[in-house]
Amino acid sequence: MTYAAAEDRYDRIPYRRTGRSGLKLPAVSLGLWHNFGDDRPLDTQRAILRRAFDLGVTHFDLANNYGPPYGSAELNFGHIFREDFASYRDELVISTKAGYDMWPGPYGEWGSRKYMLSSLDQSLKRMGLDYVDIFYSHRFDPETPLEETMGALDQAVRSGKALYAGISSYSPERTAEAAGILRDMGTPLLIHQPSYSMLNRWIEDDLLDTLEDEGVGCIAFSPLAQGMLTDKYLNGIPAGSRASLDRSLSGDMLSDEVLGHIRRLNGLAASRGQSLAQMALAWALRDQRVTSVLIGASSVAQLEDSLASVDNLAFSDEELQAIDKDAVDSGINIWAASSEH
């Protein structure tokens, strides 16, 4: 059946301005890091993407190596896009990234102009797009001059293959430097994509202040701490979960101490009439400098549960103080190496 988007799709979710740019993003965006590779049925992926757009999610976030296998998330998204979303292209913000390993040899990862621009061409071909809305440097490359990596982003924008430039997992110092380089080139830095959650609060020290000073937006990935801030692990590690498969979340991260924090946070969420995941997303959005949070979804039901977080975004001072007692760093920032340079 031909897909027709819900007519009330823009009545469901708030939109926030990205830094000092003209672009607004939905408070909750959909990331295709997991669940959109060849290991998941295409019909399930299609149902999630359709429902997301029907509920006002206009931003779909990808990267070159999302899968498995690498590239398959972009291929699958491209297939669904052509069949369902092509007529809605101007209502969508589609992003991709390059920085992590993608193909063999010295030109298949990091931040060289060679890799960045070759990767973008490949991503556009896989998705069947003329351009992406945001092209990111996925991680800082300590061995490539930042001017070269930012120059590649500038060229991507000037060539019309991307509308905006972004970075991910950069330190506050490198973020300011990158923003300055791009500003001098005439291509402002639009957005930074850092990891951020109640169990991984590193961006609060300096990065959010830097982004505010530079007029750069912030979109938080892994706001549910790789699934830890859901009801999935309240009673242990279930079979088939990320922790059981050691996919971006190892079982040793779920110590008794961490589980104690999670269970108490779950109790606070219940007192607010929310699931733990809903409260975690709302909490990450409590600071207006956070433009959007990126969620994953393995089912329509999970997607709908996460998006219901926008129904209650307000916190009292007492609630925030109570949350702070258990919203503590839990050693789960597996991307820290990129932001330590």
Protein backbone atom coordinates (compact mmCIF):
# COMPACT_ATOMS: atom_id res chain seq x y z
CA MET A 1 0.00 0.00 0.00
CA THR A 2 1.31 3.45 -0.93
CA TYR A 3 2.44 5.38 2.13
CA ALA A 4 0.77 8.68 2.94
CA ALA A 5 2.09 10.53 5.98
CA ALA A 6 -0.25 11.46 8.82
CA GLU A 7 -1.74 14.89 8.29
CA ASP A 8 -1.28 15.83 11.94
CA ARG A 9 2.40 14.83 12.03
CA TYR A 10 3.56 18.31 13.02
CA ASP A 11 1.20 18.49 15.99
CA ARG A 12 2.85 15.68 17.96
CA ILE A 13 6.35 16.78 18.94
CA PRO A 14 8.17 20.04 19.79
CA TYR A 15 10.93 21.36 17.54
CA ARG A 16 14.01 23.21 18.76
CA ARG A 17 16.33 25.60 16.97
CA THR A 18 19.81 24.20 16.30
CA GLY A 19 22.16 26.66 17.98
CA ARG A 20 21.90 30.03 16.26
CA SER A 21 21.12 28.52 12.86
CA GLY A 22 17.84 28.61 10.98
CA LEU A 23 17.36 24.84 11.25
CA LYS A 24 14.94 23.29 13.73
CA LEU A 25 15.07 19.63 14.73
CA PRO A 26 12.49 17.49 16.50
CA ALA A 27 13.20 17.15 20.23
CA VAL A 28 13.55 13.41 19.57
CA SER A 29 15.33 12.15 16.45
CA LEU A 30 15.69 8.59 15.16
CA GLY A 31 19.14 7.04 14.89
CA LEU A 32 19.79 4.02 12.67
CA TRP A 33 22.92 2.80 14.48
CA HIS A 34 21.25 -0.49 15.43
CA ASN A 35 18.21 -2.33 14.04
CA PHE A 36 18.51 -1.15 10.44
CA GLY A 37 21.15 -3.53 9.11
CA ASP A 38 20.64 -6.78 7.25
CA ASP A 39 20.09 -8.62 10.54
CA ARG A 40 16.58 -7.11 10.87
CA PRO A 41 13.54 -7.56 8.59
CA LEU A 42 13.07 -4.73 6.13
CA ASP A 43 9.33 -4.63 6.86
CA THR A 44 10.07 -3.90 10.54
CA GLN A 45 12.46 -1.12 9.56
CA ARG A 46 9.84 0.33 7.22
CA ALA A 47 7.16 0.27 9.92
CA ILE A 48 9.43 2.08 12.40
CA LEU A 49 10.42 4.78 9.90
CA ARG A 50 6.84 5.35 8.78
CA ARG A 51 5.54 5.60 12.33
CA ALA A 52 8.36 7.92 13.33
CA PHE A 53 7.54 10.37 10.54
CA ASP A 54 3.81 10.11 11.30
CA LEU A 55 4.63 11.20 14.86
CA GLY A 56 6.68 14.20 13.75
CA VAL A 57 10.21 12.77 13.68
CA THR A 58 11.72 14.52 10.69
CA HIS A 59 15.37 13.72 11.40
CA PHE A 60 16.95 10.35 10.55
CA ASP A 61 20.59 9.93 11.57
CA LEU A 62 22.95 7.47 9.88
CA ALA A 63 26.67 6.81 9.40
CA ASN A 64 28.66 5.07 6.72
CA ASN A 65 29.41 1.97 8.81
CA TYR A 66 26.01 1.39 10.42
CA GLY A 67 24.76 -2.13 9.87
CA PRO A 68 25.65 -4.95 10.06
CA PRO A 69 27.31 -5.28 7.64
CA TYR A 70 28.88 -1.86 7.16
CA GLY A 71 26.83 0.27 4.78
CA SER A 72 23.67 -1.82 5.04
CA ALA A 73 21.74 0.69 7.15
CA GLU A 74 22.23 3.30 4.43
CA LEU A 75 21.29 0.80 1.72
CA ASN A 76 18.15 -0.27 3.57
CA PHE A 77 17.21 3.31 4.38
CA GLY A 78 17.73 4.24 0.73
CA HIS A 79 15.43 1.42 -0.38
CA ILE A 80 12.67 2.53 2.00
CA PHE A 81 13.25 6.19 1.16
CA ARG A 82 12.72 5.59 -2.55
CA GLU A 83 9.47 3.71 -1.97
CA ASP A 84 7.97 5.74 0.88
CA PHE A 85 9.66 9.06 1.51
CA ALA A 86 10.95 10.44 -1.79
CA SER A 87 8.02 12.84 -2.11
CA TYR A 88 8.70 14.09 1.43
CA ARG A 89 12.43 14.80 0.90
CA ASP A 90 12.11 18.49 1.69
CA GLU A 91 10.43 17.66 5.01
CA LEU A 92 13.29 15.41 6.13
CA VAL A 93 16.69 16.04 7.71
CA ILE A 94 18.97 13.14 6.79
CA SER A 95 22.48 12.97 8.22
CA THR A 96 25.46 10.71 7.80
CA LYS A 97 29.02 10.58 9.11
CA ALA A 98 32.54 9.44 8.33
CA GLY A 99 35.40 8.85 10.73
CA TYR A 100 35.40 5.27 11.95
CA ASP A 101 36.68 2.28 9.96
CA MET A 102 34.69 1.63 6.81
CA TRP A 103 36.91 -0.11 4.23
CA PRO A 104 40.40 -1.67 4.28
CA GLY A 105 43.60 0.26 3.83
CA PRO A 106 44.91 3.67 4.84
CA TYR A 107 42.07 5.64 3.22
CA GLY A 108 39.18 3.87 4.95
CA GLU A 109 38.91 5.71 8.28
CA TRP A 110 39.82 8.78 10.35
CA GLY A 111 39.72 12.35 9.03
CA SER A 112 41.65 12.84 5.81
CA ARG A 113 40.04 14.75 2.95
CA LYS A 114 40.48 11.59 0.85
CA TYR A 115 38.45 9.46 3.26
CA MET A 116 35.82 12.01 4.22
CA LEU A 117 34.79 12.99 0.70
CA SER A 118 35.06 9.46 -0.73
CA SER A 119 32.86 8.23 2.10
CA LEU A 120 30.26 10.91 1.48
CA ASP A 121 30.06 9.95 -2.19
CA GLN A 122 29.56 6.32 -1.20
CA SER A 123 26.88 7.22 1.33
CA LEU A 124 24.94 9.28 -1.19
CA LYS A 125 25.10 6.41 -3.69
CA ARG A 126 23.89 3.86 -1.11
CA MET A 127 20.96 6.05 -0.07
CA GLY A 128 20.15 7.25 -3.57
CA LEU A 129 20.31 10.88 -2.48
CA ASP A 130 21.64 13.99 -4.19
CA TYR A 131 22.64 15.46 -0.84
CA VAL A 132 22.46 14.91 2.91
CA ASP A 133 21.31 17.64 5.24
CA ILE A 134 24.15 17.17 7.75
CA PHE A 135 27.56 15.58 7.14
CA TYR A 136 29.59 14.86 10.26
CA SER A 137 33.19 14.23 11.15
CA HIS A 138 32.37 11.17 13.27
CA ARG A 139 35.43 11.49 15.51
CA PHE A 140 38.47 13.70 15.96
CA ASP A 141 41.59 12.50 14.17
CA PRO A 142 44.69 13.37 16.24
CA GLU A 143 47.04 12.67 13.33
CA THR A 144 45.35 14.76 10.64
CA PRO A 145 45.39 18.58 10.75
CA LEU A 146 41.99 19.80 11.87
CA GLU A 147 42.09 22.26 8.95
CA GLU A 148 42.08 19.30 6.56
CA THR A 149 39.12 17.56 8.15
CA MET A 150 37.13 20.77 8.45
CA GLY A 151 38.15 21.67 4.90
CA ALA A 152 36.54 18.43 3.75
CA LEU A 153 33.30 19.38 5.52
CA ASP A 154 33.47 22.83 3.93
CA GLN A 155 33.96 21.29 0.49
CA ALA A 156 31.04 18.91 1.06
CA VAL A 157 28.78 21.88 1.75
CA ARG A 158 30.13 24.04 -1.07
CA SER A 159 29.71 21.18 -3.55
CA GLY A 160 26.02 20.86 -2.61
CA LYS A 161 26.45 17.31 -1.33
CA ALA A 162 25.64 18.46 2.22
CA LEU A 163 23.70 21.43 3.55
CA TYR A 164 25.36 21.64 6.96
CA ALA A 165 28.57 20.55 8.72
CA GLY A 166 28.70 18.69 12.02
CA ILE A 167 31.17 17.02 14.37
CA SER A 168 30.81 14.20 16.88
CA SER A 169 32.64 13.36 20.12
CA TYR A 170 35.04 16.31 19.94
CA SER A 171 36.43 17.87 23.13
CA PRO A 172 35.34 21.39 24.08
CA GLU A 173 38.74 22.75 22.99
CA ARG A 174 38.70 21.01 19.61
CA THR A 175 35.06 21.99 19.13
CA ALA A 176 35.92 25.67 19.52
CA GLU A 177 38.88 25.25 17.19
CA ALA A 178 36.78 23.44 14.58
CA ALA A 179 34.06 26.08 14.80
CA GLY A 180 36.63 28.82 14.24
CA ILE A 181 38.16 27.10 11.23
CA LEU A 182 34.78 26.55 9.61
CA ARG A 183 33.66 30.09 10.39
CA ASP A 184 36.72 31.46 8.62
CA MET A 185 35.91 29.27 5.62
CA GLY A 186 32.35 30.61 5.52
CA THR A 187 30.67 27.34 6.46
CA PRO A 188 29.44 27.60 10.06
CA LEU A 189 29.54 24.57 12.31
CA LEU A 190 25.90 23.59 12.76
CA ILE A 191 25.89 20.87 15.38
CA HIS A 192 27.87 18.62 17.71
CA GLN A 193 26.78 15.05 18.42
CA PRO A 194 28.15 13.85 21.79
CA SER A 195 27.20 10.90 23.97
CA TYR A 196 25.10 12.09 26.90
CA SER A 197 22.86 10.49 29.47
CA MET A 198 22.12 10.40 33.18
CA LEU A 199 25.00 7.93 33.52
CA ASN A 200 27.40 9.82 31.23
CA ARG A 201 27.35 13.56 31.97
CA TRP A 202 30.70 14.64 30.54
CA ILE A 203 29.28 17.39 28.31
CA GLU A 204 28.06 19.38 31.33
CA ASP A 205 31.58 20.34 32.42
CA ASP A 206 32.55 22.56 29.48
CA LEU A 207 31.13 21.37 26.18
CA LEU A 208 27.62 22.80 26.52
CA ASP A 209 29.07 26.20 27.43
CA THR A 210 31.37 26.02 24.40
CA LEU A 211 28.47 25.15 22.11
CA GLU A 212 26.42 28.02 23.50
CA ASP A 213 29.30 30.45 22.99
CA GLU A 214 29.83 29.26 19.42
CA GLY A 215 26.12 29.15 18.54
CA VAL A 216 26.33 25.43 17.79
CA GLY A 217 23.50 22.96 18.41
CA CYS A 218 23.77 19.73 20.38
CA ILE A 219 22.19 16.39 19.56
CA ALA A 220 22.81 13.75 22.22
CA PHE A 221 23.39 10.16 21.20
CA SER A 222 22.95 7.19 23.52
CA PRO A 223 20.66 9.15 25.90
CA LEU A 224 19.46 5.81 27.24
CA ALA A 225 23.03 4.73 28.03
CA GLN A 226 23.11 1.93 25.45
CA GLY A 227 19.83 0.63 26.86
CA MET A 228 20.79 0.74 30.53
CA LEU A 229 18.23 3.47 31.21
CA THR A 230 15.29 1.28 30.29
CA ASP A 231 13.43 -1.43 32.17
CA LYS A 232 15.44 -4.08 30.30
CA TYR A 233 18.13 -4.59 32.95
CA LEU A 234 16.23 -3.94 36.18
CA ASN A 235 16.24 -7.65 37.00
CA GLY A 236 19.49 -8.76 35.37
CA ILE A 237 20.79 -9.26 31.84
CA PRO A 238 18.22 -10.88 29.52
CA ALA A 239 19.25 -13.15 26.67
CA GLY A 240 19.56 -11.36 23.34
CA SER A 241 20.16 -7.94 24.89
CA ARG A 242 23.11 -5.72 23.94
CA ALA A 243 24.83 -6.55 27.21
CA SER A 244 24.44 -10.29 26.64
CA LEU A 245 25.86 -9.93 23.12
CA ASP A 246 28.56 -7.43 24.16
CA ARG A 247 27.38 -5.00 21.47
CA SER A 248 28.42 -1.52 22.65
CA LEU A 249 27.48 -2.56 26.19
CA SER A 250 29.41 -5.12 28.20
CA GLY A 251 27.91 -6.97 31.10
CA ASP A 252 30.58 -5.71 33.50
CA MET A 253 29.17 -2.19 33.08
CA LEU A 254 26.04 -3.39 34.89
CA SER A 255 27.57 -3.69 38.34
CA ASP A 256 25.45 -3.96 41.47
CA GLU A 257 26.22 -0.32 42.23
CA VAL A 258 25.11 0.86 38.79
CA LEU A 259 22.00 -1.30 38.90
CA GLY A 260 21.16 0.27 42.24
CA HIS A 261 21.28 3.72 40.68
CA ILE A 262 19.14 2.54 37.75
CA ARG A 263 16.51 0.98 40.01
CA ARG A 264 16.21 4.13 42.10
CA LEU A 265 15.91 6.24 38.95
CA ASN A 266 13.19 3.87 37.79
CA GLY A 267 11.30 4.56 40.99
CA LEU A 268 11.57 8.30 40.40
CA ALA A 269 10.28 7.84 36.86
CA ALA A 270 7.29 5.89 38.15
CA SER A 271 6.47 8.74 40.52
CA ARG A 272 6.33 11.05 37.48
CA GLY A 273 4.06 8.69 35.58
CA GLN A 274 6.81 7.86 33.10
CA SER A 275 8.86 4.85 32.13
CA LEU A 276 12.55 5.06 32.97
CA ALA A 277 13.36 5.59 29.28
CA GLN A 278 10.85 8.42 29.01
CA MET A 279 12.26 10.19 32.06
CA ALA A 280 15.84 9.71 30.83
CA LEU A 281 15.01 11.35 27.50
CA ALA A 282 13.08 14.17 29.13
CA TRP A 283 15.97 14.74 31.55
CA ALA A 284 18.49 15.00 28.69
CA LEU A 285 16.24 17.62 27.10
CA ARG A 286 15.86 19.69 30.28
CA ASP A 287 18.66 22.00 29.10
CA GLN A 288 17.50 24.05 26.12
CA ARG A 289 21.02 23.93 24.68
CA VAL A 290 20.34 20.27 23.88
CA THR A 291 18.55 20.54 20.54
CA SER A 292 17.51 16.91 20.22
CA VAL A 293 18.12 13.43 21.59
CA LEU A 294 18.80 10.46 19.32
CA ILE A 295 16.90 7.28 20.05
CA GLY A 296 17.09 3.85 18.52
CA ALA A 297 14.09 1.57 18.10
CA SER A 298 13.75 -2.15 17.44
CA SER A 299 9.95 -2.00 17.20
CA VAL A 300 7.12 0.46 16.69
CA ALA A 301 6.06 -0.06 20.30
CA GLN A 302 9.51 0.90 21.59
CA LEU A 303 9.54 3.94 19.32
CA GLU A 304 6.14 5.08 20.59
CA ASP A 305 7.19 4.63 24.22
CA SER A 306 10.29 6.77 23.71
CA LEU A 307 8.43 9.50 21.83
CA ALA A 308 5.88 9.75 24.65
CA SER A 309 8.71 11.35 26.67
CA VAL A 310 7.77 14.71 25.14
CA ASP A 311 4.42 14.58 26.95
CA ASN A 312 6.18 15.44 30.23
CA LEU A 313 9.39 17.43 29.82
CA ALA A 314 9.06 19.55 32.98
CA PHE A 315 10.99 18.81 36.19
CA SER A 316 10.65 20.40 39.60
CA ASP A 317 13.78 21.43 41.46
CA GLU A 318 13.06 18.68 43.97
CA GLU A 319 12.87 16.06 41.21
CA LEU A 320 16.17 17.20 39.70
CA GLN A 321 17.87 17.09 43.10
CA ALA A 322 16.59 13.57 43.68
CA ILE A 323 17.72 12.46 40.21
CA ASP A 324 21.18 13.96 40.75
CA LYS A 325 21.83 11.50 43.58
CA ASP A 326 21.71 8.60 41.14
CA ALA A 327 22.49 10.30 37.82
CA VAL A 328 26.22 9.72 38.28
CA ASP A 329 29.03 8.86 35.93
CA SER A 330 29.11 5.09 35.55
CA GLY A 331 32.13 4.49 33.32
CA ILE A 332 30.08 3.81 30.21
CA ASN A 333 31.47 6.48 27.87
CA ILE A 334 33.14 4.14 25.38
CA TRP A 335 33.74 7.12 23.05
CA ALA A 336 35.79 9.08 25.58
CA ALA A 337 39.08 8.58 23.70
CA SER A 338 37.86 10.77 20.85
CA SER A 339 37.10 13.72 23.14
CA GLU A 340 40.28 13.48 25.22
CA HIS A 341 42.55 15.09 22.59
